Amino acid sequence: MSLFAGQDRESLREAWRVAWRRQLERLPLTPLQAQMVEVISLHPEHHARLASDVPAADPDNDEASRRAFLQLALHLALREQISTNRPRGIVQIHRELAARRGVRDAELRMMAVLEHSLWEAQRAGHPPDEAVYLDSLQRL
């Protein structure tokens, strides 16, 4: 079960904002917040949005906001996959791609594949196919 299961979109976004504000204020972080801050640190383009005390008036209508939070969530999801080597083989793919392209670029490319895999599964109404996902990652 996901650490974020049962939370609505704004609660999830607020969790990202809280983690970043705690980092900026040099307050202690939970282990999950520390992971979130590590991901946020890779994306300075989102720092101002996350430092704000007030979410956008209507975040569902703000495409930039949706994309920002999706990017952060995909990054965290990919890192969880890598830390657990699930699907099996993703660690090796990450290691090889990072050696060729650098860690940030490797992860961004892998996140694009993850996003597409999730989109395809949602569109088709079934869980993502790990074999297809891994095959797509191996072709990067």
Protein backbone atom coordinates (compact mmCIF):
# COMPACT_ATOMS: atom_id res chain seq x y z
CA MET A 1 0.00 0.00 0.00
CA SER A 2 1.26 3.47 -0.87
CA LEU A 3 2.33 5.90 1.83
CA PHE A 4 -0.02 8.37 0.16
CA ALA A 5 -3.05 6.07 -0.24
CA GLY A 6 -6.36 7.70 0.49
CA GLN A 7 -5.09 11.28 0.25
CA ASP A 8 -6.72 13.74 -2.10
CA ARG A 9 -4.76 15.79 -4.61
CA GLU A 10 -4.48 18.92 -2.47
CA SER A 11 -3.35 16.91 0.57
CA LEU A 12 -0.61 15.35 -1.52
CA ARG A 13 0.48 18.72 -2.82
CA GLU A 14 0.48 20.14 0.70
CA ALA A 15 2.75 17.27 1.83
CA TRP A 16 5.31 18.41 -0.79
CA ARG A 17 4.98 22.05 0.32
CA VAL A 18 5.35 21.14 4.01
CA ALA A 19 8.47 19.06 3.35
CA TRP A 20 10.09 21.89 1.38
CA ARG A 21 9.16 24.59 3.92
CA ARG A 22 10.54 22.43 6.75
CA GLN A 23 13.79 22.11 4.78
CA LEU A 24 13.97 25.87 4.22
CA GLU A 25 13.32 26.49 7.92
CA ARG A 26 15.92 23.86 8.84
CA LEU A 27 13.37 21.85 10.83
CA PRO A 28 13.66 18.09 11.32
CA LEU A 29 12.31 15.96 8.49
CA THR A 30 10.67 12.57 8.56
CA PRO A 31 12.38 9.95 6.39
CA LEU A 32 9.70 10.42 3.72
CA GLN A 33 10.07 14.21 3.84
CA ALA A 34 13.83 13.79 3.45
CA GLN A 35 13.24 11.78 0.27
CA MET A 36 10.80 14.40 -0.98
CA VAL A 37 13.30 17.20 -0.28
CA GLU A 38 16.01 15.31 -2.17
CA VAL A 39 13.72 15.13 -5.22
CA ILE A 40 12.65 18.78 -4.87
CA SER A 41 16.31 19.82 -4.69
CA LEU A 42 16.81 18.41 -8.18
CA HIS A 43 14.09 20.70 -9.54
CA PRO A 44 14.82 24.37 -8.74
CA GLU A 45 12.10 25.34 -11.21
CA HIS A 46 9.55 24.23 -8.59
CA HIS A 47 11.10 25.81 -5.48
CA ALA A 48 9.03 29.01 -5.48
CA ARG A 49 5.76 27.11 -5.98
CA LEU A 50 6.57 24.82 -3.07
CA ALA A 51 7.77 27.59 -0.75
CA SER A 52 4.43 29.40 -1.03
CA ASP A 53 2.19 29.24 2.03
CA VAL A 54 -0.90 29.53 -0.13
CA PRO A 55 -1.68 27.06 -2.90
CA ALA A 56 -2.83 28.45 -6.23
CA ALA A 57 -6.44 29.69 -6.14
CA ASP A 58 -7.58 26.82 -8.34
CA PRO A 59 -4.69 24.35 -8.68
CA ASP A 60 -6.74 21.95 -10.82
CA ASN A 61 -6.85 24.58 -13.57
CA ASP A 62 -3.17 25.39 -13.43
CA GLU A 63 -1.39 23.18 -15.96
CA ALA A 64 2.06 24.22 -14.72
CA SER A 65 1.12 23.22 -11.18
CA ARG A 66 -0.26 19.86 -12.31
CA ARG A 67 2.88 19.12 -14.31
CA ALA A 68 5.16 20.17 -11.44
CA PHE A 69 3.52 17.91 -8.89
CA LEU A 70 3.29 15.05 -11.38
CA GLN A 71 7.01 15.37 -12.11
CA LEU A 72 7.88 15.29 -8.41
CA ALA A 73 5.61 12.30 -7.78
CA LEU A 74 7.04 10.37 -10.74
CA HIS A 75 10.55 11.09 -9.52
CA LEU A 76 9.74 9.76 -6.06
CA ALA A 77 7.98 6.70 -7.54
CA LEU A 78 10.94 5.91 -9.78
CA ARG A 79 13.36 6.18 -6.88
CA GLU A 80 11.19 3.81 -4.87
CA GLN A 81 11.26 1.32 -7.75
CA ILE A 82 15.04 1.60 -7.91
CA SER A 83 15.44 1.20 -4.14
CA THR A 84 13.39 -2.01 -4.18
CA ASN A 85 14.53 -3.24 -7.62
CA ARG A 86 10.90 -3.63 -8.58
CA PRO A 87 10.27 -4.37 -11.30
CA ARG A 88 13.25 -6.67 -11.17
CA GLY A 89 16.06 -5.36 -13.36
CA ILE A 90 15.34 -1.65 -12.99
CA VAL A 91 18.45 -1.11 -10.84
CA GLN A 92 20.72 -2.36 -13.60
CA ILE A 93 18.92 -0.27 -16.22
CA HIS A 94 19.26 2.81 -14.02
CA ARG A 95 22.94 2.13 -13.32
CA GLU A 96 23.80 1.73 -17.02
CA LEU A 97 21.75 4.71 -18.18
CA ALA A 98 23.15 6.93 -15.42
CA ALA A 99 26.68 5.95 -16.40
CA ARG A 100 25.98 7.05 -19.99
CA ARG A 101 23.80 10.11 -19.41
CA GLY A 102 24.23 11.20 -15.78
CA VAL A 103 21.81 10.46 -12.95
CA ARG A 104 19.42 13.38 -13.46
CA ASP A 105 19.03 12.85 -17.19
CA ALA A 106 18.70 9.09 -16.72
CA GLU A 107 15.95 9.54 -14.17
CA LEU A 108 14.10 12.10 -16.29
CA ARG A 109 14.14 9.72 -19.25
CA MET A 110 13.01 6.82 -17.07
CA MET A 111 10.24 8.96 -15.57
CA ALA A 112 8.91 9.70 -19.06
CA VAL A 113 8.66 5.96 -19.69
CA LEU A 114 6.98 5.45 -16.32
CA GLU A 115 4.47 8.21 -17.06
CA HIS A 116 3.66 6.71 -20.45
CA SER A 117 3.32 3.23 -18.96
CA LEU A 118 0.90 4.50 -16.31
CA TRP A 119 -1.08 6.48 -18.89
CA GLU A 120 -1.38 3.43 -21.16
CA ALA A 121 -2.53 1.24 -18.26
CA GLN A 122 -5.10 3.78 -17.13
CA ARG A 123 -6.39 4.22 -20.68
CA ALA A 124 -6.71 0.45 -21.12
CA GLY A 125 -8.18 -0.07 -17.65
CA HIS A 126 -5.63 -2.58 -16.40
CA PRO A 127 -2.45 -2.59 -14.29
CA PRO A 128 0.80 -1.57 -15.97
CA ASP A 129 2.61 -4.38 -17.77
CA GLU A 130 6.01 -4.67 -16.07
CA ALA A 131 7.56 -6.56 -18.99
CA VAL A 132 6.55 -3.85 -21.47
CA TYR A 133 7.71 -1.17 -19.04
CA LEU A 134 11.13 -2.80 -18.59
CA ASP A 135 11.49 -3.35 -22.32
CA SER A 136 10.80 0.36 -22.92
CA LEU A 137 13.35 1.31 -20.26
CA GLN A 138 15.99 -0.97 -21.81
CA ARG A 139 15.59 0.84 -25.14
CA LEU A 140 16.56 4.23 -23.63
